[in-house]
């Protein structure tokens, strides 16, 4: 070139014509229907991933609370009460783990393995 600015592909079209092309897209076309179904699938997968992250965090938090509660068992005079409370907390952890398992029914677990922390 002569050192001038390069002409871009879209410079050949008037600005109004590009806008009209967007408005002429048929929302019921096969392509748009496919994109809508992909959008729904991705949104559903993302929502499931977020639910699994939250459940994993809840499991970690409740597990740590139970562990710290059991650390007090040796020095506490009311050991039976602490054991009962820890059993209730462990039941909550078990319910959360069951929720994780139910979320993964029929899914490829490896798509969601990063959502579940090993902690």
PDB file of N, CA and C in Angstrom:
ATOM      1  N   UNK A   1       0.757  -1.163   0.000  1.00  0.00           N
ATOM      2  CA  UNK A   1       0.000   0.000   0.000  1.00  0.00           C
ATOM      3  C   UNK A   1       0.821   1.260   0.000  1.00  0.00           C
ATOM      4  N   UNK A   2       0.077   2.287  -0.124  1.00  0.00           N
ATOM      5  CA  UNK A   2       0.649   3.630  -0.179  1.00  0.00           C
ATOM      6  C   UNK A   2       0.796   4.232   1.200  1.00  0.00           C
ATOM      7  N   UNK A   3       0.649   3.443   2.233  1.00  0.00           N
ATOM      8  CA  UNK A   3       0.799   3.961   3.585  1.00  0.00           C
ATOM      9  C   UNK A   3      -0.492   4.536   4.135  1.00  0.00           C
ATOM     10  N   UNK A   4      -1.557   4.467   3.391  1.00  0.00           N
ATOM     11  CA  UNK A   4      -2.848   4.979   3.855  1.00  0.00           C
ATOM     12  C   UNK A   4      -3.579   3.949   4.703  1.00  0.00           C
ATOM     13  N   UNK A   5      -4.767   4.297   5.100  1.00  0.00           N
ATOM     14  CA  UNK A   5      -5.573   3.384   5.905  1.00  0.00           C
ATOM     15  C   UNK A   5      -6.140   2.274   5.032  1.00  0.00           C
ATOM     16  N   UNK A   6      -6.204   1.079   5.602  1.00  0.00           N
ATOM     17  CA  UNK A   6      -6.808  -0.028   4.861  1.00  0.00           C
ATOM     18  C   UNK A   6      -8.314   0.092   4.908  1.00  0.00           C
ATOM     19  N   UNK A   7      -8.927  -0.285   3.856  1.00  0.00           N
ATOM     20  CA  UNK A   7     -10.380  -0.258   3.806  1.00  0.00           C
ATOM     21  C   UNK A   7     -10.886  -1.559   4.434  1.00  0.00           C
ATOM     22  N   UNK A   8     -11.815  -1.454   5.341  1.00  0.00           N
ATOM     23  CA  UNK A   8     -12.356  -2.631   6.010  1.00  0.00           C
ATOM     24  C   UNK A   8     -13.516  -3.182   5.202  1.00  0.00           C
ATOM     25  N   UNK A   9     -13.785  -4.474   5.443  1.00  0.00           N
ATOM     26  CA  UNK A   9     -14.862  -5.132   4.696  1.00  0.00           C
ATOM     27  C   UNK A   9     -16.197  -4.431   4.902  1.00  0.00           C
ATOM     28  N   UNK A  10     -16.468  -4.037   6.153  1.00  0.00           N
ATOM     29  CA  UNK A  10     -17.777  -3.450   6.425  1.00  0.00           C
ATOM     30  C   UNK A  10     -17.889  -2.011   5.932  1.00  0.00           C
ATOM     31  N   UNK A  11     -16.800  -1.408   5.462  1.00  0.00           N
ATOM     32  CA  UNK A  11     -16.878  -0.041   4.932  1.00  0.00           C
ATOM     33  C   UNK A  11     -17.614  -0.007   3.588  1.00  0.00           C
ATOM     34  N   UNK A  12     -17.756  -1.173   2.945  1.00  0.00           N
ATOM     35  CA  UNK A  12     -18.448  -1.219   1.659  1.00  0.00           C
ATOM     36  C   UNK A  12     -19.960  -1.092   1.809  1.00  0.00           C
ATOM     37  N   UNK A  13     -20.475  -1.342   3.024  1.00  0.00           N
ATOM     38  CA  UNK A  13     -21.918  -1.320   3.239  1.00  0.00           C
ATOM     39  C   UNK A  13     -22.304  -0.067   3.990  1.00  0.00           C
ATOM     40  N   UNK A  14     -23.396   0.555   3.607  1.00  0.00           N
ATOM     41  CA  UNK A  14     -23.884   1.701   4.390  1.00  0.00           C
ATOM     42  C   UNK A  14     -24.335   1.210   5.764  1.00  0.00           C
ATOM     43  N   UNK A  15     -24.225   2.065   6.762  1.00  0.00           N
ATOM     44  CA  UNK A  15     -24.536   1.665   8.142  1.00  0.00           C
ATOM     45  C   UNK A  15     -25.976   1.206   8.293  1.00  0.00           C
ATOM     46  N   UNK A  16     -26.890   1.842   7.604  1.00  0.00           N
ATOM     47  CA  UNK A  16     -28.300   1.478   7.713  1.00  0.00           C
ATOM     48  C   UNK A  16     -28.589   0.091   7.188  1.00  0.00           C
ATOM     49  N   UNK A  17     -27.860  -0.340   6.197  1.00  0.00           N
ATOM     50  CA  UNK A  17     -28.094  -1.653   5.603  1.00  0.00           C
ATOM     51  C   UNK A  17     -27.771  -2.761   6.604  1.00  0.00           C
ATOM     52  N   UNK A  18     -26.701  -2.616   7.379  1.00  0.00           N
ATOM     53  CA  UNK A  18     -26.355  -3.636   8.382  1.00  0.00           C
ATOM     54  C   UNK A  18     -27.433  -3.728   9.441  1.00  0.00           C
ATOM     55  N   UNK A  19     -27.976  -2.618   9.847  1.00  0.00           N
ATOM     56  CA  UNK A  19     -29.025  -2.600  10.857  1.00  0.00           C
ATOM     57  C   UNK A  19     -30.266  -3.297  10.322  1.00  0.00           C
ATOM     58  N   UNK A  20     -30.594  -3.072   9.042  1.00  0.00           N
ATOM     59  CA  UNK A  20     -31.760  -3.708   8.439  1.00  0.00           C
ATOM     60  C   UNK A  20     -31.575  -5.216   8.367  1.00  0.00           C
ATOM     61  N   UNK A  21     -30.347  -5.663   8.116  1.00  0.00           N
ATOM     62  CA  UNK A  21     -30.087  -7.097   8.052  1.00  0.00           C
ATOM     63  C   UNK A  21     -30.359  -7.750   9.398  1.00  0.00           C
ATOM     64  N   UNK A  22     -30.008  -7.074  10.483  1.00  0.00           N
ATOM     65  CA  UNK A  22     -30.278  -7.618  11.819  1.00  0.00           C
ATOM     66  C   UNK A  22     -31.770  -7.691  12.078  1.00  0.00           C
ATOM     67  N   UNK A  23     -32.498  -6.707  11.610  1.00  0.00           N
ATOM     68  CA  UNK A  23     -33.936  -6.691  11.831  1.00  0.00           C
ATOM     69  C   UNK A  23     -34.641  -7.726  10.973  1.00  0.00           C
ATOM     70  N   UNK A  24     -34.042  -8.136   9.850  1.00  0.00           N
ATOM     71  CA  UNK A  24     -34.661  -9.099   8.947  1.00  0.00           C
ATOM     72  C   UNK A  24     -34.447 -10.536   9.383  1.00  0.00           C
ATOM     73  N   UNK A  25     -33.751 -10.784  10.483  1.00  0.00           N
ATOM     74  CA  UNK A  25     -33.510 -12.152  10.953  1.00  0.00           C
ATOM     75  C   UNK A  25     -34.835 -12.719  11.442  1.00  0.00           C
ATOM     76  N   UNK A  26     -35.178 -13.870  10.927  1.00  0.00           N
ATOM     77  CA  UNK A  26     -36.427 -14.527  11.283  1.00  0.00           C
ATOM     78  C   UNK A  26     -36.235 -15.272  12.610  1.00  0.00           C
ATOM     79  N   UNK A  27     -36.949 -14.868  13.680  1.00  0.00           N
ATOM     80  CA  UNK A  27     -36.742 -15.519  14.986  1.00  0.00           C
ATOM     81  C   UNK A  27     -37.171 -16.977  15.009  1.00  0.00           C
ATOM     82  N   UNK A  28     -37.962 -17.408  14.030  1.00  0.00           N
ATOM     83  CA  UNK A  28     -38.397 -18.802  14.018  1.00  0.00           C
ATOM     84  C   UNK A  28     -37.592 -19.645  13.028  1.00  0.00           C
ATOM     85  N   UNK A  29     -36.497 -19.100  12.517  1.00  0.00           N
ATOM     86  CA  UNK A  29     -35.677 -19.871  11.581  1.00  0.00           C
ATOM     87  C   UNK A  29     -34.998 -21.025  12.306  1.00  0.00           C
ATOM     88  N   UNK A  30     -34.568 -21.998  11.527  1.00  0.00           N
ATOM     89  CA  UNK A  30     -33.927 -23.184  12.105  1.00  0.00           C
ATOM     90  C   UNK A  30     -32.651 -22.807  12.847  1.00  0.00           C
ATOM     91  N   UNK A  31     -31.910 -21.852  12.310  1.00  0.00           N
ATOM     92  CA  UNK A  31     -30.674 -21.428  12.954  1.00  0.00           C
ATOM     93  C   UNK A  31     -30.958 -20.769  14.307  1.00  0.00           C
ATOM     94  N   UNK A  32     -31.942 -19.888  14.327  1.00  0.00           N
ATOM     95  CA  UNK A  32     -32.279 -19.210  15.583  1.00  0.00           C
ATOM     96  C   UNK A  32     -32.830 -20.207  16.603  1.00  0.00           C
ATOM     97  N   UNK A  33     -33.610 -21.172  16.139  1.00  0.00           N
ATOM     98  CA  UNK A  33     -34.132 -22.206  17.036  1.00  0.00           C
ATOM     99  C   UNK A  33     -32.988 -23.016  17.633  1.00  0.00           C
ATOM    100  N   UNK A  34     -31.992 -23.336  16.798  1.00  0.00           N
ATOM    101  CA  UNK A  34     -30.825 -24.079  17.304  1.00  0.00           C
ATOM    102  C   UNK A  34     -30.070 -23.272  18.341  1.00  0.00           C
ATOM    103  N   UNK A  35     -29.868 -21.991  18.059  1.00  0.00           N
ATOM    104  CA  UNK A  35     -29.150 -21.149  19.023  1.00  0.00           C
ATOM    105  C   UNK A  35     -29.926 -21.026  20.332  1.00  0.00           C
ATOM    106  N   UNK A  36     -31.237 -20.916  20.246  1.00  0.00           N
ATOM    107  CA  UNK A  36     -32.053 -20.836  21.469  1.00  0.00           C
ATOM    108  C   UNK A  36     -31.931 -22.123  22.284  1.00  0.00           C
ATOM    109  N   UNK A  37     -31.913 -23.264  21.594  1.00  0.00           N
ATOM    110  CA  UNK A  37     -31.789 -24.530  22.333  1.00  0.00           C
ATOM    111  C   UNK A  37     -30.398 -24.653  22.952  1.00  0.00           C
ATOM    112  N   UNK A  38     -29.364 -24.196  22.234  1.00  0.00           N
ATOM    113  CA  UNK A  38     -28.012 -24.208  22.804  1.00  0.00           C
ATOM    114  C   UNK A  38     -27.930 -23.273  24.003  1.00  0.00           C
ATOM    115  N   UNK A  39     -28.569 -22.124  23.890  1.00  0.00           N
ATOM    116  CA  UNK A  39     -28.579 -21.159  24.994  1.00  0.00           C
ATOM    117  C   UNK A  39     -29.240 -21.768  26.224  1.00  0.00           C
ATOM    118  N   UNK A  40     -30.364 -22.421  26.018  1.00  0.00           N
ATOM    119  CA  UNK A  40     -31.071 -23.056  27.134  1.00  0.00           C
ATOM    120  C   UNK A  40     -30.222 -24.153  27.766  1.00  0.00           C
ATOM    121  N   UNK A  41     -29.582 -24.954  26.923  1.00  0.00           N
ATOM    122  CA  UNK A  41     -28.727 -26.032  27.437  1.00  0.00           C
ATOM    123  C   UNK A  41     -27.550 -25.481  28.240  1.00  0.00           C
ATOM    124  N   UNK A  42     -26.911 -24.449  27.729  1.00  0.00           N
ATOM    125  CA  UNK A  42     -25.775 -23.854  28.442  1.00  0.00           C
ATOM    126  C   UNK A  42     -26.215 -23.180  29.735  1.00  0.00           C
ATOM    127  N   UNK A  43     -27.346 -22.491  29.709  1.00  0.00           N
ATOM    128  CA  UNK A  43     -27.861 -21.858  30.932  1.00  0.00           C
ATOM    129  C   UNK A  43     -28.191 -22.906  31.987  1.00  0.00           C
ATOM    130  N   UNK A  44     -28.808 -24.005  31.557  1.00  0.00           N
ATOM    131  CA  UNK A  44     -29.156 -25.080  32.491  1.00  0.00           C
ATOM    132  C   UNK A  44     -27.902 -25.685  33.103  1.00  0.00           C
ATOM    133  N   UNK A  45     -26.889 -25.928  32.266  1.00  0.00           N
ATOM    134  CA  UNK A  45     -25.636 -26.510  32.763  1.00  0.00           C
ATOM    135  C   UNK A  45     -24.937 -25.550  33.726  1.00  0.00           C
ATOM    136  N   UNK A  46     -24.944 -24.265  33.399  1.00  0.00           N
ATOM    137  CA  UNK A  46     -24.313 -23.268  34.271  1.00  0.00           C
ATOM    138  C   UNK A  46     -25.044 -23.187  35.614  1.00  0.00           C
ATOM    139  N   UNK A  47     -26.370 -23.211  35.586  1.00  0.00           N
ATOM    140  CA  UNK A  47     -27.146 -23.179  36.835  1.00  0.00           C
ATOM    141  C   UNK A  47     -26.845 -24.394  37.696  1.00  0.00           C
ATOM    142  N   UNK A  48     -26.743 -25.568  37.062  1.00  0.00           N
ATOM    143  CA  UNK A  48     -26.426 -26.785  37.808  1.00  0.00           C
ATOM    144  C   UNK A  48     -25.027 -26.682  38.414  1.00  0.00           C
ATOM    145  N   UNK A  49     -24.086 -26.162  37.646  1.00  0.00           N
ATOM    146  CA  UNK A  49     -22.717 -25.989  38.133  1.00  0.00           C
ATOM    147  C   UNK A  49     -22.713 -25.080  39.366  1.00  0.00           C
ATOM    148  N   UNK A  50     -23.450 -23.981  39.305  1.00  0.00           N
ATOM    149  CA  UNK A  50     -23.509 -23.050  40.436  1.00  0.00           C
ATOM    150  C   UNK A  50     -24.164 -23.695  41.659  1.00  0.00           C
ATOM    151  N   UNK A  51     -25.216 -24.496  41.441  1.00  0.00           N
ATOM    152  CA  UNK A  51     -25.839 -25.204  42.569  1.00  0.00           C
ATOM    153  C   UNK A  51     -24.856 -26.173  43.206  1.00  0.00           C
ATOM    154  N   UNK A  52     -24.077 -26.862  42.373  1.00  0.00           N
ATOM    155  CA  UNK A  52     -23.092 -27.812  42.901  1.00  0.00           C
ATOM    156  C   UNK A  52     -21.990 -27.099  43.675  1.00  0.00           C
ATOM    157  N   UNK A  53     -21.564 -25.940  43.200  1.00  0.00           N
ATOM    158  CA  UNK A  53     -20.552 -25.157  43.927  1.00  0.00           C
ATOM    159  C   UNK A  53     -21.090 -24.783  45.299  1.00  0.00           C
ATOM    160  N   UNK A  54     -22.329 -24.303  45.333  1.00  0.00           N
ATOM    161  CA  UNK A  54     -22.922 -23.892  46.613  1.00  0.00           C
ATOM    162  C   UNK A  54     -23.071 -25.086  47.557  1.00  0.00           C
ATOM    163  N   UNK A  55     -23.558 -26.212  47.039  1.00  0.00           N
ATOM    164  CA  UNK A  55     -23.686 -27.402  47.874  1.00  0.00           C
ATOM    165  C   UNK A  55     -22.329 -27.856  48.398  1.00  0.00           C
ATOM    166  N   UNK A  56     -21.311 -27.801  47.568  1.00  0.00           N
ATOM    167  CA  UNK A  56     -19.971 -28.207  47.983  1.00  0.00           C
ATOM    168  C   UNK A  56     -19.454 -27.313  49.106  1.00  0.00           C
ATOM    169  N   UNK A  57     -19.674 -26.026  48.961  1.00  0.00           N
ATOM    170  CA  UNK A  57     -19.249 -25.094  50.025  1.00  0.00           C
ATOM    171  C   UNK A  57     -20.011 -25.358  51.313  1.00  0.00           C
ATOM    172  N   UNK A  58     -21.312 -25.609  51.198  1.00  0.00           N
ATOM    173  CA  UNK A  58     -22.115 -25.902  52.388  1.00  0.00           C
ATOM    174  C   UNK A  58     -21.636 -27.174  53.078  1.00  0.00           C
ATOM    175  N   UNK A  59     -21.286 -28.182  52.278  1.00  0.00           N
ATOM    176  CA  UNK A  59     -20.778 -29.436  52.849  1.00  0.00           C
ATOM    177  C   UNK A  59     -19.475 -29.181  53.589  1.00  0.00           C
ATOM    178  N   UNK A  60     -18.585 -28.416  52.998  1.00  0.00           N
ATOM    179  CA  UNK A  60     -17.295 -28.116  53.628  1.00  0.00           C
ATOM    180  C   UNK A  60     -17.496 -27.360  54.933  1.00  0.00           C
ATOM    181  N   UNK A  61     -18.358 -26.364  54.922  1.00  0.00           N
ATOM    182  CA  UNK A  61     -18.602 -25.555  56.119  1.00  0.00           C
ATOM    183  C   UNK A  61     -19.194 -26.409  57.238  1.00  0.00           C
ATOM    184  N   UNK A  62     -20.231 -27.189  56.907  1.00  0.00           N
ATOM    185  CA  UNK A  62     -20.867 -28.013  57.941  1.00  0.00           C
ATOM    186  C   UNK A  62     -19.928 -29.104  58.455  1.00  0.00           C
ATOM    187  N   UNK A  63     -19.096 -29.639  57.588  1.00  0.00           N
ATOM    188  CA  UNK A  63     -18.135 -30.658  58.024  1.00  0.00           C
ATOM    189  C   UNK A  63     -17.128 -30.060  59.002  1.00  0.00           C
ATOM    190  N   UNK A  64     -16.629 -28.871  58.688  1.00  0.00           N
ATOM    191  CA  UNK A  64     -15.676 -28.219  59.594  1.00  0.00           C
ATOM    192  C   UNK A  64     -16.313 -27.898  60.930  1.00  0.00           C
ATOM    193  N   UNK A  65     -17.545 -27.425  60.897  1.00  0.00           N
ATOM    194  CA  UNK A  65     -18.236 -27.130  62.160  1.00  0.00           C
ATOM    195  C   UNK A  65     -18.396 -28.385  63.005  1.00  0.00           C
ATOM    196  N   UNK A  66     -18.704 -29.500  62.357  1.00  0.00           N
ATOM    197  CA  UNK A  66     -18.854 -30.763  63.077  1.00  0.00           C
ATOM    198  C   UNK A  66     -17.518 -31.204  63.671  1.00  0.00           C
ATOM    199  N   UNK A  67     -16.457 -31.056  62.906  1.00  0.00           N
ATOM    200  CA  UNK A  67     -15.124 -31.440  63.393  1.00  0.00           C
ATOM    201  C   UNK A  67     -14.735 -30.591  64.602  1.00  0.00           C
ATOM    202  N   UNK A  68     -14.959 -29.272  64.511  1.00  0.00           N
ATOM    203  CA  UNK A  68     -14.624 -28.405  65.646  1.00  0.00           C
ATOM    204  C   UNK A  68     -15.486 -28.715  66.861  1.00  0.00           C
ATOM    205  N   UNK A  69     -16.727 -29.077  66.624  1.00  0.00           N
ATOM    206  CA  UNK A  69     -17.603 -29.468  67.727  1.00  0.00           C
ATOM    207  C   UNK A  69     -17.078 -30.733  68.400  1.00  0.00           C
ATOM    208  N   UNK A  70     -16.640 -31.691  67.606  1.00  0.00           N
ATOM    209  CA  UNK A  70     -16.117 -32.943  68.176  1.00  0.00           C
ATOM    210  C   UNK A  70     -14.779 -32.741  68.881  1.00  0.00           C
ATOM    211  N   UNK A  71     -14.024 -31.706  68.491  1.00  0.00           N
ATOM    212  CA  UNK A  71     -12.786 -31.396  69.219  1.00  0.00           C
ATOM    213  C   UNK A  71     -13.090 -30.979  70.657  1.00  0.00           C
ATOM    214  N   UNK A  72     -14.246 -30.387  70.865  1.00  0.00           N
ATOM    215  CA  UNK A  72     -14.626 -29.962  72.226  1.00  0.00           C
ATOM    216  C   UNK A  72     -15.124 -31.123  73.076  1.00  0.00           C
ATOM    217  N   UNK A  73     -15.344 -32.278  72.460  1.00  0.00           N
ATOM    218  CA  UNK A  73     -15.910 -33.420  73.171  1.00  0.00           C
ATOM    219  C   UNK A  73     -15.039 -33.863  74.344  1.00  0.00           C
ATOM    220  N   UNK A  74     -13.746 -33.916  74.143  1.00  0.00           N
ATOM    221  CA  UNK A  74     -12.841 -34.430  75.178  1.00  0.00           C
ATOM    222  C   UNK A  74     -12.812 -33.540  76.411  1.00  0.00           C
ATOM    223  N   UNK A  75     -12.964 -32.229  76.217  1.00  0.00           N
ATOM    224  CA  UNK A  75     -12.852 -31.317  77.359  1.00  0.00           C
ATOM    225  C   UNK A  75     -14.202 -30.867  77.912  1.00  0.00           C
ATOM    226  N   UNK A  76     -15.283 -31.262  77.283  1.00  0.00           N
ATOM    227  CA  UNK A  76     -16.603 -30.788  77.720  1.00  0.00           C
ATOM    228  C   UNK A  76     -17.225 -31.767  78.705  1.00  0.00           C
ATOM    229  N   UNK A  77     -17.923 -31.216  79.703  1.00  0.00           N
ATOM    230  CA  UNK A  77     -18.588 -32.101  80.671  1.00  0.00           C
ATOM    231  C   UNK A  77     -19.854 -32.750  80.089  1.00  0.00           C
ATOM    232  N   UNK A  78     -20.447 -32.120  79.106  1.00  0.00           N
ATOM    233  CA  UNK A  78     -21.695 -32.642  78.536  1.00  0.00           C
ATOM    234  C   UNK A  78     -21.414 -33.337  77.197  1.00  0.00           C
ATOM    235  N   UNK A  79     -20.695 -34.426  77.253  1.00  0.00           N
ATOM    236  CA  UNK A  79     -20.267 -35.139  76.050  1.00  0.00           C
ATOM    237  C   UNK A  79     -21.422 -35.709  75.252  1.00  0.00           C
ATOM    238  N   UNK A  80     -22.429 -36.196  75.941  1.00  0.00           N
ATOM    239  CA  UNK A  80     -23.589 -36.785  75.249  1.00  0.00           C
ATOM    240  C   UNK A  80     -24.320 -35.733  74.417  1.00  0.00           C
ATOM    241  N   UNK A  81     -24.412 -34.542  74.953  1.00  0.00           N
ATOM    242  CA  UNK A  81     -25.075 -33.441  74.236  1.00  0.00           C
ATOM    243  C   UNK A  81     -24.287 -33.058  72.974  1.00  0.00           C
ATOM    244  N   UNK A  82     -22.986 -33.033  73.078  1.00  0.00           N
ATOM    245  CA  UNK A  82     -22.142 -32.704  71.928  1.00  0.00           C
ATOM    246  C   UNK A  82     -22.252 -33.790  70.862  1.00  0.00           C
ATOM    247  N   UNK A  83     -22.288 -35.060  71.281  1.00  0.00           N
ATOM    248  CA  UNK A  83     -22.430 -36.146  70.315  1.00  0.00           C
ATOM    249  C   UNK A  83     -23.774 -36.075  69.584  1.00  0.00           C
ATOM    250  N   UNK A  84     -24.837 -35.747  70.308  1.00  0.00           N
ATOM    251  CA  UNK A  84     -26.152 -35.609  69.676  1.00  0.00           C
ATOM    252  C   UNK A  84     -26.161 -34.455  68.669  1.00  0.00           C
ATOM    253  N   UNK A  85     -25.553 -33.336  69.052  1.00  0.00           N
ATOM    254  CA  UNK A  85     -25.493 -32.178  68.150  1.00  0.00           C
ATOM    255  C   UNK A  85     -24.652 -32.490  66.914  1.00  0.00           C
ATOM    256  N   UNK A  86     -23.560 -33.234  67.124  1.00  0.00           N
ATOM    257  CA  UNK A  86     -22.723 -33.579  65.973  1.00  0.00           C
ATOM    258  C   UNK A  86     -23.440 -34.544  65.035  1.00  0.00           C
ATOM    259  N   UNK A  87     -24.249 -35.420  65.579  1.00  0.00           N
ATOM    260  CA  UNK A  87     -25.027 -36.341  64.736  1.00  0.00           C
ATOM    261  C   UNK A  87     -26.039 -35.574  63.880  1.00  0.00           C
ATOM    262  N   UNK A  88     -26.651 -34.547  64.449  1.00  0.00           N
ATOM    263  CA  UNK A  88     -27.576 -33.708  63.682  1.00  0.00           C
ATOM    264  C   UNK A  88     -26.832 -32.992  62.549  1.00  0.00           C
ATOM    265  N   UNK A  89     -25.641 -32.473  62.855  1.00  0.00           N
ATOM    266  CA  UNK A  89     -24.845 -31.784  61.840  1.00  0.00           C
ATOM    267  C   UNK A  89     -24.394 -32.751  60.737  1.00  0.00           C
ATOM    268  N   UNK A  90     -24.015 -33.958  61.110  1.00  0.00           N
ATOM    269  CA  UNK A  90     -23.612 -34.950  60.117  1.00  0.00           C
ATOM    270  C   UNK A  90     -24.781 -35.376  59.234  1.00  0.00           C
ATOM    271  N   UNK A  91     -25.992 -35.431  59.812  1.00  0.00           N
ATOM    272  CA  UNK A  91     -27.172 -35.723  58.992  1.00  0.00           C
ATOM    273  C   UNK A  91     -27.383 -34.636  57.944  1.00  0.00           C
ATOM    274  N   UNK A  92     -27.141 -33.381  58.315  1.00  0.00           N
ATOM    275  CA  UNK A  92     -27.264 -32.275  57.359  1.00  0.00           C
ATOM    276  C   UNK A  92     -26.233 -32.423  56.241  1.00  0.00           C
ATOM    277  N   UNK A  93     -25.019 -32.849  56.591  1.00  0.00           N
ATOM    278  CA  UNK A  93     -23.972 -33.071  55.590  1.00  0.00           C
ATOM    279  C   UNK A  93     -24.386 -34.213  54.657  1.00  0.00           C
ATOM    280  N   UNK A  94     -24.933 -35.276  55.224  1.00  0.00           N
ATOM    281  CA  UNK A  94     -25.377 -36.409  54.401  1.00  0.00           C
ATOM    282  C   UNK A  94     -26.478 -35.989  53.430  1.00  0.00           C
ATOM    283  N   UNK A  95     -27.402 -35.149  53.888  1.00  0.00           N
ATOM    284  CA  UNK A  95     -28.477 -34.666  53.010  1.00  0.00           C
ATOM    285  C   UNK A  95     -27.899 -33.841  51.859  1.00  0.00           C
ATOM    286  N   UNK A  96     -26.905 -33.015  52.158  1.00  0.00           N
ATOM    287  CA  UNK A  96     -26.269 -32.206  51.113  1.00  0.00           C
ATOM    288  C   UNK A  96     -25.531 -33.093  50.105  1.00  0.00           C
ATOM    289  N   UNK A  97     -24.858 -34.116  50.589  1.00  0.00           N
ATOM    290  CA  UNK A  97     -24.168 -35.044  49.690  1.00  0.00           C
ATOM    291  C   UNK A  97     -25.189 -35.767  48.807  1.00  0.00           C
ATOM    292  N   UNK A  98     -26.341 -36.109  49.378  1.00  0.00           N
ATOM    293  CA  UNK A  98     -27.400 -36.745  48.596  1.00  0.00           C
ATOM    294  C   UNK A  98     -27.925 -35.788  47.529  1.00  0.00           C
ATOM    295  N   UNK A  99     -28.026 -34.492  47.854  1.00  0.00           N
ATOM    296  CA  UNK A  99     -28.454 -33.505  46.870  1.00  0.00           C
ATOM    297  C   UNK A  99     -27.454 -33.426  45.713  1.00  0.00           C
ATOM    298  N   UNK A 100     -26.163 -33.489  46.037  1.00  0.00           N
ATOM    299  CA  UNK A 100     -25.127 -33.479  44.990  1.00  0.00           C
ATOM    300  C   UNK A 100     -25.313 -34.698  44.094  1.00  0.00           C
ATOM    301  N   UNK A 101     -25.534 -35.861  44.701  1.00  0.00           N
ATOM    302  CA  UNK A 101     -25.715 -37.083  43.918  1.00  0.00           C
ATOM    303  C   UNK A 101     -26.948 -36.982  43.026  1.00  0.00           C
ATOM    304  N   UNK A 102     -28.022 -36.390  43.538  1.00  0.00           N
ATOM    305  CA  UNK A 102     -29.234 -36.236  42.735  1.00  0.00           C
ATOM    306  C   UNK A 102     -29.030 -35.263  41.585  1.00  0.00           C
ATOM    307  N   UNK A 103     -28.231 -34.221  41.797  1.00  0.00           N
ATOM    308  CA  UNK A 103     -27.927 -33.267  40.719  1.00  0.00           C
ATOM    309  C   UNK A 103     -27.147 -33.948  39.597  1.00  0.00           C
ATOM    310  N   UNK A 104     -26.366 -34.963  39.934  1.00  0.00           N
ATOM    311  CA  UNK A 104     -25.497 -35.605  38.947  1.00  0.00           C
ATOM    312  C   UNK A 104     -26.121 -36.823  38.274  1.00  0.00           C
ATOM    313  N   UNK A 105     -27.360 -37.152  38.625  1.00  0.00           N
ATOM    314  CA  UNK A 105     -28.026 -38.288  37.990  1.00  0.00           C
ATOM    315  C   UNK A 105     -28.198 -37.991  36.501  1.00  0.00           C
ATOM    316  N   UNK A 106     -27.728 -38.901  35.677  1.00  0.00           N
ATOM    317  CA  UNK A 106     -27.863 -38.757  34.229  1.00  0.00           C
ATOM    318  C   UNK A 106     -26.894 -37.763  33.608  1.00  0.00           C
ATOM    319  N   UNK A 107     -25.959 -37.257  34.371  1.00  0.00           N
ATOM    320  CA  UNK A 107     -24.984 -36.281  33.864  1.00  0.00           C
ATOM    321  C   UNK A 107     -23.600 -36.923  33.803  1.00  0.00           C
ATOM    322  N   UNK A 108     -22.763 -36.367  32.974  1.00  0.00           N
ATOM    323  CA  UNK A 108     -21.366 -36.766  32.951  1.00  0.00           C
ATOM    324  C   UNK A 108     -20.687 -36.070  34.130  1.00  0.00           C
ATOM    325  N   UNK A 109     -20.351 -36.844  35.138  1.00  0.00           N
ATOM    326  CA  UNK A 109     -19.812 -36.269  36.363  1.00  0.00           C
ATOM    327  C   UNK A 109     -18.557 -35.445  36.118  1.00  0.00           C
ATOM    328  N   UNK A 110     -17.801 -35.806  35.091  1.00  0.00           N
ATOM    329  CA  UNK A 110     -16.539 -35.125  34.835  1.00  0.00           C
ATOM    330  C   UNK A 110     -16.734 -33.706  34.317  1.00  0.00           C
ATOM    331  N   UNK A 111     -17.942 -33.387  33.835  1.00  0.00           N
ATOM    332  CA  UNK A 111     -18.203 -32.008  33.430  1.00  0.00           C
ATOM    333  C   UNK A 111     -18.356 -31.088  34.654  1.00  0.00           C
ATOM    334  N   UNK A 112     -18.687 -31.704  35.800  1.00  0.00           N
ATOM    335  CA  UNK A 112     -18.958 -30.914  36.991  1.00  0.00           C
ATOM    336  C   UNK A 112     -17.980 -31.186  38.118  1.00  0.00           C
ATOM    337  N   UNK A 113     -16.914 -31.955  37.865  1.00  0.00           N
ATOM    338  CA  UNK A 113     -16.025 -32.344  38.957  1.00  0.00           C
ATOM    339  C   UNK A 113     -15.310 -31.151  39.590  1.00  0.00           C
ATOM    340  N   UNK A 114     -15.111 -30.070  38.849  1.00  0.00           N
ATOM    341  CA  UNK A 114     -14.436 -28.900  39.427  1.00  0.00           C
ATOM    342  C   UNK A 114     -15.372 -28.096  40.327  1.00  0.00           C
ATOM    343  N   UNK A 115     -16.673 -28.333  40.210  1.00  0.00           N
ATOM    344  CA  UNK A 115     -17.628 -27.612  41.055  1.00  0.00           C
ATOM    345  C   UNK A 115     -17.637 -28.182  42.464  1.00  0.00           C
ATOM    346  N   UNK A 116     -17.167 -29.399  42.614  1.00  0.00           N
ATOM    347  CA  UNK A 116     -17.214 -30.076  43.911  1.00  0.00           C
ATOM    348  C   UNK A 116     -15.809 -30.081  44.482  1.00  0.00           C
ATOM    349  N   UNK A 117     -15.630 -29.375  45.584  1.00  0.00           N
ATOM    350  CA  UNK A 117     -14.299 -29.302  46.174  1.00  0.00           C
ATOM    351  C   UNK A 117     -14.010 -30.568  46.983  1.00  0.00           C
ATOM    352  N   UNK A 118     -12.768 -30.979  47.035  1.00  0.00           N
ATOM    353  CA  UNK A 118     -12.427 -32.161  47.805  1.00  0.00           C
ATOM    354  C   UNK A 118     -12.351 -31.890  49.314  1.00  0.00           C
ATOM    355  N   UNK A 119     -12.498 -30.634  49.709  1.00  0.00           N
ATOM    356  CA  UNK A 119     -12.388 -30.264  51.117  1.00  0.00           C
ATOM    357  C   UNK A 119     -13.554 -30.729  51.901  1.00  0.00           C
TER     358      UNK A 119
END
